[in-house]
Amino acid sequence: MGRTPHNMSGVPVHVTEEIVDYRRSVNQFVGSSDLVLELGSAQGLTCALLAAAAAKAVGIDKSPEQHRISVERFPRATHANLTFIHADAFDVRAALALGVPFTKLYIDVSGNRVVGDVIELIGAYEKAFPSLELIVVKCFPFKRLLLNCSVWPAAEGEGEMGASRTKNGDKQVEKWSYSDPHGTSVALVLCLLGVGFAWLRVSRAK
């Protein structure tokens, strides 16, 4: 899959470190009309929580064993709005083939995954699904990176790291949420990292 630059107009990205915060975010960000996709659904517990809060939830995982367990654990007979797909998270076409205009994207492709891989997923799905309103990521290195990042010089009225805003502009501070209302801070980090990782790959290929 080729590199896809982050959309600088900004789908808000919230980055968590612990599974408890990742799952706690469901109550904060997912509503009854949402269509949610989770990449790295593992044995299905988080995806089941998403389905309980949303209109529909789909989990994707590349492990045959994890997929088997999730399907057996949460059968369609008792979880009609919950679907599990055996596919690689990087196979965006598999997600597009579902024909669902997802509004929320959750990503948990191993909590210590290389940041570049997570950035690639964010960019690819943001481009493939213009219906996305919000992305939630569980990634320990990504959160630690953002904690050490800032935009300088800051533009007047620019959001701060560690803060998010609702659509009406009200400020909400969450210690586990790292996003900028217009995607500016996070998008800048994503863009710079994307360029850096692309340069690194080219350098290694020489």
C-alpha atoms as a PDB file:
ATOM      1  CA  MET A   1       0.000   0.000   0.000  1.00  0.00           C
ATOM      2  CA  GLY A   2       1.436   3.362  -1.000  1.00  0.00           C
ATOM      3  CA  ARG A   3       1.917   6.285   1.322  1.00  0.00           C
ATOM      4  CA  THR A   4      -1.167   8.433   1.762  1.00  0.00           C
ATOM      5  CA  PRO A   5      -0.671  11.911   3.242  1.00  0.00           C
ATOM      6  CA  HIS A   6      -2.887  12.891   6.148  1.00  0.00           C
ATOM      7  CA  ASN A   7      -5.787  15.117   5.133  1.00  0.00           C
ATOM      8  CA  MET A   8      -4.719  18.509   6.478  1.00  0.00           C
ATOM      9  CA  SER A   9      -8.355  19.666   6.725  1.00  0.00           C
ATOM     10  CA  GLY A  10      -8.396  17.322   9.676  1.00  0.00           C
ATOM     11  CA  VAL A  11     -10.430  14.398  10.892  1.00  0.00           C
ATOM     12  CA  PRO A  12      -9.828  14.636  14.668  1.00  0.00           C
ATOM     13  CA  VAL A  13      -7.470  11.922  15.941  1.00  0.00           C
ATOM     14  CA  HIS A  14      -7.573  10.870  19.590  1.00  0.00           C
ATOM     15  CA  VAL A  15      -4.614   8.821  20.795  1.00  0.00           C
ATOM     16  CA  THR A  16      -4.762   6.578  23.860  1.00  0.00           C
ATOM     17  CA  GLU A  17      -2.167   4.408  25.563  1.00  0.00           C
ATOM     18  CA  GLU A  18      -4.057   1.965  27.783  1.00  0.00           C
ATOM     19  CA  ILE A  19      -6.834  -0.430  26.789  1.00  0.00           C
ATOM     20  CA  VAL A  20      -9.024   0.922  29.604  1.00  0.00           C
ATOM     21  CA  ASP A  21      -8.907   4.428  28.078  1.00  0.00           C
ATOM     22  CA  TYR A  22      -9.375   3.065  24.563  1.00  0.00           C
ATOM     23  CA  ARG A  23     -12.590   1.343  25.668  1.00  0.00           C
ATOM     24  CA  ARG A  24     -13.683   4.226  27.897  1.00  0.00           C
ATOM     25  CA  SER A  25     -13.643   6.464  24.833  1.00  0.00           C
ATOM     26  CA  VAL A  26     -16.590   4.522  23.387  1.00  0.00           C
ATOM     27  CA  ASN A  27     -18.982   6.217  25.805  1.00  0.00           C
ATOM     28  CA  GLN A  28     -17.414   9.594  25.008  1.00  0.00           C
ATOM     29  CA  PHE A  29     -17.353   9.495  21.224  1.00  0.00           C
ATOM     30  CA  VAL A  30     -19.750   6.857  19.845  1.00  0.00           C
ATOM     31  CA  GLY A  31     -23.460   7.524  19.386  1.00  0.00           C
ATOM     32  CA  SER A  32     -26.454   5.419  18.416  1.00  0.00           C
ATOM     33  CA  SER A  33     -26.331   6.502  14.766  1.00  0.00           C
ATOM     34  CA  ASP A  34     -22.605   5.803  14.271  1.00  0.00           C
ATOM     35  CA  LEU A  35     -21.175   3.191  11.923  1.00  0.00           C
ATOM     36  CA  VAL A  36     -17.885   2.080  13.446  1.00  0.00           C
ATOM     37  CA  LEU A  37     -14.929   0.169  12.044  1.00  0.00           C
ATOM     38  CA  GLU A  38     -12.228  -1.281  14.287  1.00  0.00           C
ATOM     39  CA  LEU A  39      -8.873  -2.310  12.879  1.00  0.00           C
ATOM     40  CA  GLY A  40      -7.262  -4.996  15.015  1.00  0.00           C
ATOM     41  CA  SER A  41     -10.411  -6.275  16.691  1.00  0.00           C
ATOM     42  CA  ALA A  42      -8.613  -9.305  18.235  1.00  0.00           C
ATOM     43  CA  GLN A  43     -11.126 -11.409  20.195  1.00  0.00           C
ATOM     44  CA  GLY A  44     -13.900  -8.868  19.724  1.00  0.00           C
ATOM     45  CA  LEU A  45     -14.477  -7.358  23.152  1.00  0.00           C
ATOM     46  CA  THR A  46     -13.912  -3.705  22.202  1.00  0.00           C
ATOM     47  CA  CYS A  47     -15.871  -4.168  18.991  1.00  0.00           C
ATOM     48  CA  ALA A  48     -18.774  -5.612  20.985  1.00  0.00           C
ATOM     49  CA  LEU A  49     -18.713  -2.492  23.178  1.00  0.00           C
ATOM     50  CA  LEU A  50     -18.766  -0.372  20.019  1.00  0.00           C
ATOM     51  CA  ALA A  51     -21.733  -2.327  18.674  1.00  0.00           C
ATOM     52  CA  ALA A  52     -23.619  -1.809  21.936  1.00  0.00           C
ATOM     53  CA  ALA A  53     -23.234   1.949  21.560  1.00  0.00           C
ATOM     54  CA  ALA A  54     -23.511   2.304  17.770  1.00  0.00           C
ATOM     55  CA  ALA A  55     -25.875   1.426  14.945  1.00  0.00           C
ATOM     56  CA  LYS A  56     -23.303  -0.961  13.496  1.00  0.00           C
ATOM     57  CA  ALA A  57     -19.757  -2.109  14.274  1.00  0.00           C
ATOM     58  CA  VAL A  58     -17.334  -4.079  12.119  1.00  0.00           C
ATOM     59  CA  GLY A  59     -14.100  -5.584  13.373  1.00  0.00           C
ATOM     60  CA  ILE A  60     -11.177  -6.509  11.147  1.00  0.00           C
ATOM     61  CA  ASP A  61      -8.316  -8.768  12.232  1.00  0.00           C
ATOM     62  CA  LYS A  62      -5.724 -10.669  10.215  1.00  0.00           C
ATOM     63  CA  SER A  63      -5.289 -13.533  12.703  1.00  0.00           C
ATOM     64  CA  PRO A  64      -7.404 -16.597  11.778  1.00  0.00           C
ATOM     65  CA  GLU A  65      -7.460 -17.699  15.414  1.00  0.00           C
ATOM     66  CA  GLN A  66      -8.516 -14.307  16.773  1.00  0.00           C
ATOM     67  CA  HIS A  67     -11.186 -14.069  14.094  1.00  0.00           C
ATOM     68  CA  ARG A  68     -12.513 -17.532  14.968  1.00  0.00           C
ATOM     69  CA  ILE A  69     -12.703 -16.692  18.674  1.00  0.00           C
ATOM     70  CA  SER A  70     -14.486 -13.370  18.084  1.00  0.00           C
ATOM     71  CA  VAL A  71     -17.095 -14.959  15.812  1.00  0.00           C
ATOM     72  CA  GLU A  72     -17.768 -17.740  18.326  1.00  0.00           C
ATOM     73  CA  ARG A  73     -17.792 -15.336  21.251  1.00  0.00           C
ATOM     74  CA  PHE A  74     -20.220 -12.864  19.664  1.00  0.00           C
ATOM     75  CA  PRO A  75     -22.452 -14.784  17.189  1.00  0.00           C
ATOM     76  CA  ARG A  76     -24.644 -12.890  14.745  1.00  0.00           C
ATOM     77  CA  ALA A  77     -27.719 -14.572  16.240  1.00  0.00           C
ATOM     78  CA  THR A  78     -27.346 -12.497  19.403  1.00  0.00           C
ATOM     79  CA  HIS A  79     -25.301  -9.569  18.005  1.00  0.00           C
ATOM     80  CA  ALA A  80     -27.078  -8.591  14.803  1.00  0.00           C
ATOM     81  CA  ASN A  81     -25.248  -5.280  14.337  1.00  0.00           C
ATOM     82  CA  LEU A  82     -21.767  -6.743  14.929  1.00  0.00           C
ATOM     83  CA  THR A  83     -19.650  -8.203  12.118  1.00  0.00           C
ATOM     84  CA  PHE A  84     -16.136  -9.617  12.098  1.00  0.00           C
ATOM     85  CA  ILE A  85     -13.996  -9.783   8.962  1.00  0.00           C
ATOM     86  CA  HIS A  86     -10.854 -11.857   8.525  1.00  0.00           C
ATOM     87  CA  ALA A  87      -8.538  -9.460   6.692  1.00  0.00           C
ATOM     88  CA  ASP A  88      -5.375  -7.413   7.069  1.00  0.00           C
ATOM     89  CA  ALA A  89      -5.945  -3.891   8.376  1.00  0.00           C
ATOM     90  CA  PHE A  90      -3.788  -2.588   5.530  1.00  0.00           C
ATOM     91  CA  ASP A  91      -6.179  -4.104   2.978  1.00  0.00           C
ATOM     92  CA  VAL A  92      -8.376  -1.027   2.633  1.00  0.00           C
ATOM     93  CA  ARG A  93     -10.226  -2.609  -0.297  1.00  0.00           C
ATOM     94  CA  ALA A  94     -11.615  -5.287   2.030  1.00  0.00           C
ATOM     95  CA  ALA A  95     -13.156  -2.565   4.177  1.00  0.00           C
ATOM     96  CA  LEU A  96     -14.461  -0.658   1.153  1.00  0.00           C
ATOM     97  CA  ALA A  97     -16.070  -3.847  -0.169  1.00  0.00           C
ATOM     98  CA  LEU A  98     -18.413  -3.788   2.832  1.00  0.00           C
ATOM     99  CA  GLY A  99     -20.112  -0.718   1.353  1.00  0.00           C
ATOM    100  CA  VAL A 100     -20.527   0.930   4.758  1.00  0.00           C
ATOM    101  CA  PRO A 101     -19.952   4.723   5.112  1.00  0.00           C
ATOM    102  CA  PHE A 102     -18.159   4.453   8.441  1.00  0.00           C
ATOM    103  CA  THR A 103     -18.329   7.516  10.688  1.00  0.00           C
ATOM    104  CA  LYS A 104     -15.863   6.431  13.379  1.00  0.00           C
ATOM    105  CA  LEU A 105     -12.603   4.498  13.087  1.00  0.00           C
ATOM    106  CA  TYR A 106     -10.932   2.690  15.983  1.00  0.00           C
ATOM    107  CA  ILE A 107      -7.379   1.390  15.566  1.00  0.00           C
ATOM    108  CA  ASP A 108      -5.643  -1.111  17.858  1.00  0.00           C
ATOM    109  CA  VAL A 109      -3.104  -2.934  15.701  1.00  0.00           C
ATOM    110  CA  SER A 110      -0.900  -3.838  18.675  1.00  0.00           C
ATOM    111  CA  GLY A 111      -0.423  -1.123  21.266  1.00  0.00           C
ATOM    112  CA  ASN A 112       3.323  -0.812  20.646  1.00  0.00           C
ATOM    113  CA  ARG A 113       3.094  -0.840  16.845  1.00  0.00           C
ATOM    114  CA  VAL A 114       5.628   1.235  14.905  1.00  0.00           C
ATOM    115  CA  VAL A 115       4.233   4.762  14.660  1.00  0.00           C
ATOM    116  CA  GLY A 116       4.776   4.881  10.896  1.00  0.00           C
ATOM    117  CA  ASP A 117       2.401   1.939  10.372  1.00  0.00           C
ATOM    118  CA  VAL A 118      -0.328   3.623  12.406  1.00  0.00           C
ATOM    119  CA  ILE A 119       0.123   6.868  10.487  1.00  0.00           C
ATOM    120  CA  GLU A 120      -0.149   4.976   7.222  1.00  0.00           C
ATOM    121  CA  LEU A 121      -3.426   3.410   8.321  1.00  0.00           C
ATOM    122  CA  ILE A 122      -4.853   6.754   9.436  1.00  0.00           C
ATOM    123  CA  GLY A 123      -4.031   8.399   6.131  1.00  0.00           C
ATOM    124  CA  ALA A 124      -5.282   5.519   3.995  1.00  0.00           C
ATOM    125  CA  TYR A 125      -8.648   5.130   5.750  1.00  0.00           C
ATOM    126  CA  GLU A 126      -9.197   8.861   6.010  1.00  0.00           C
ATOM    127  CA  LYS A 127      -8.814   9.070   2.246  1.00  0.00           C
ATOM    128  CA  ALA A 128     -10.913   5.967   1.532  1.00  0.00           C
ATOM    129  CA  PHE A 129     -13.782   6.977   3.846  1.00  0.00           C
ATOM    130  CA  PRO A 130     -14.615  10.692   3.562  1.00  0.00           C
ATOM    131  CA  SER A 131     -17.572   9.955   5.853  1.00  0.00           C
ATOM    132  CA  LEU A 132     -15.214   9.587   8.845  1.00  0.00           C
ATOM    133  CA  GLU A 133     -15.801  12.108  11.619  1.00  0.00           C
ATOM    134  CA  LEU A 134     -13.350  10.833  14.228  1.00  0.00           C
ATOM    135  CA  ILE A 135     -10.444   8.409  14.665  1.00  0.00           C
ATOM    136  CA  VAL A 136      -9.412   6.796  17.957  1.00  0.00           C
ATOM    137  CA  VAL A 137      -6.033   5.078  18.174  1.00  0.00           C
ATOM    138  CA  LYS A 138      -4.449   2.940  20.889  1.00  0.00           C
ATOM    139  CA  CYS A 139      -0.711   3.195  20.432  1.00  0.00           C
ATOM    140  CA  PHE A 140       1.801   3.675  23.251  1.00  0.00           C
ATOM    141  CA  PRO A 141       4.671   5.106  21.104  1.00  0.00           C
ATOM    142  CA  PHE A 142       2.311   7.448  19.246  1.00  0.00           C
ATOM    143  CA  LYS A 143       0.937   8.941  22.460  1.00  0.00           C
ATOM    144  CA  ARG A 144       4.414   9.385  23.911  1.00  0.00           C
ATOM    145  CA  LEU A 145       5.523  11.083  20.703  1.00  0.00           C
ATOM    146  CA  LEU A 146       2.599  13.510  20.797  1.00  0.00           C
ATOM    147  CA  LEU A 147       3.282  14.322  24.426  1.00  0.00           C
ATOM    148  CA  ASN A 148       6.671  15.617  23.311  1.00  0.00           C
ATOM    149  CA  CYS A 149       5.384  17.541  20.285  1.00  0.00           C
ATOM    150  CA  SER A 150       4.149  21.083  19.866  1.00  0.00           C
ATOM    151  CA  VAL A 151       3.510  23.443  16.972  1.00  0.00           C
ATOM    152  CA  TRP A 152       5.879  26.428  16.906  1.00  0.00           C
ATOM    153  CA  PRO A 153       5.284  29.230  16.393  1.00  0.00           C
ATOM    154  CA  ALA A 154       1.672  28.686  17.340  1.00  0.00           C
ATOM    155  CA  ALA A 155      -0.918  30.476  15.228  1.00  0.00           C
ATOM    156  CA  GLU A 156      -3.393  32.723  17.033  1.00  0.00           C
ATOM    157  CA  GLY A 157      -6.322  30.680  18.321  1.00  0.00           C
ATOM    158  CA  GLU A 158      -4.622  27.378  17.587  1.00  0.00           C
ATOM    159  CA  GLY A 159      -5.632  24.413  19.716  1.00  0.00           C
ATOM    160  CA  GLU A 160      -3.264  22.928  22.291  1.00  0.00           C
ATOM    161  CA  MET A 161      -2.001  19.390  22.484  1.00  0.00           C
ATOM    162  CA  GLY A 162      -3.979  17.505  25.072  1.00  0.00           C
ATOM    163  CA  ALA A 163      -7.196  19.319  24.200  1.00  0.00           C
ATOM    164  CA  SER A 164     -10.091  18.625  21.906  1.00  0.00           C
ATOM    165  CA  ARG A 165     -13.100  20.696  20.924  1.00  0.00           C
ATOM    166  CA  THR A 166     -16.675  19.802  20.217  1.00  0.00           C
ATOM    167  CA  LYS A 167     -18.141  20.908  16.902  1.00  0.00           C
ATOM    168  CA  ASN A 168     -19.644  24.027  18.474  1.00  0.00           C
ATOM    169  CA  GLY A 169     -16.178  25.111  19.640  1.00  0.00           C
ATOM    170  CA  ASP A 170     -16.491  24.329  23.358  1.00  0.00           C
ATOM    171  CA  LYS A 171     -13.174  23.189  24.785  1.00  0.00           C
ATOM    172  CA  GLN A 172     -12.938  19.789  26.437  1.00  0.00           C
ATOM    173  CA  VAL A 173      -9.711  18.769  28.143  1.00  0.00           C
ATOM    174  CA  GLU A 174      -9.107  15.033  28.476  1.00  0.00           C
ATOM    175  CA  LYS A 175      -5.790  13.757  29.807  1.00  0.00           C
ATOM    176  CA  TRP A 176      -5.957  10.767  27.466  1.00  0.00           C
ATOM    177  CA  SER A 177      -7.044  12.688  24.368  1.00  0.00           C
ATOM    178  CA  TYR A 178      -4.517  14.276  22.032  1.00  0.00           C
ATOM    179  CA  SER A 179      -5.988  16.105  19.079  1.00  0.00           C
ATOM    180  CA  ASP A 180      -6.465  19.541  17.619  1.00  0.00           C
ATOM    181  CA  PRO A 181      -9.963  20.717  16.571  1.00  0.00           C
ATOM    182  CA  HIS A 182      -8.893  21.314  12.995  1.00  0.00           C
ATOM    183  CA  GLY A 183      -6.394  18.481  12.878  1.00  0.00           C
ATOM    184  CA  THR A 184      -3.584  21.053  12.658  1.00  0.00           C
ATOM    185  CA  SER A 185      -1.213  19.861  15.381  1.00  0.00           C
ATOM    186  CA  VAL A 186      -1.746  16.145  14.880  1.00  0.00           C
ATOM    187  CA  ALA A 187      -1.890  16.496  11.104  1.00  0.00           C
ATOM    188  CA  LEU A 188       1.416  18.360  11.084  1.00  0.00           C
ATOM    189  CA  VAL A 189       3.041  15.628  13.131  1.00  0.00           C
ATOM    190  CA  LEU A 190       1.552  12.977  10.834  1.00  0.00           C
ATOM    191  CA  CYS A 191       2.719  14.796   7.738  1.00  0.00           C
ATOM    192  CA  LEU A 192       6.285  15.269   8.990  1.00  0.00           C
ATOM    193  CA  LEU A 193       6.512  11.697  10.212  1.00  0.00           C
ATOM    194  CA  GLY A 194       5.130  10.413   6.928  1.00  0.00           C
ATOM    195  CA  VAL A 195       7.821  12.279   5.020  1.00  0.00           C
ATOM    196  CA  GLY A 196      10.467  11.025   7.430  1.00  0.00           C
ATOM    197  CA  PHE A 197       9.448   7.385   7.153  1.00  0.00           C
ATOM    198  CA  ALA A 198       9.212   7.617   3.361  1.00  0.00           C
ATOM    199  CA  TRP A 199      12.746   9.084   3.252  1.00  0.00           C
ATOM    200  CA  LEU A 200      13.987   6.330   5.563  1.00  0.00           C
ATOM    201  CA  ARG A 201      12.532   3.608   3.354  1.00  0.00           C
ATOM    202  CA  VAL A 202      14.113   5.126   0.251  1.00  0.00           C
ATOM    203  CA  SER A 203      17.464   5.425   2.033  1.00  0.00           C
ATOM    204  CA  ARG A 204      17.361   1.793   3.135  1.00  0.00           C
ATOM    205  CA  ALA A 205      16.475   0.673  -0.371  1.00  0.00           C
ATOM    206  CA  LYS A 206      19.621   2.260  -1.835  1.00  0.00           C
END
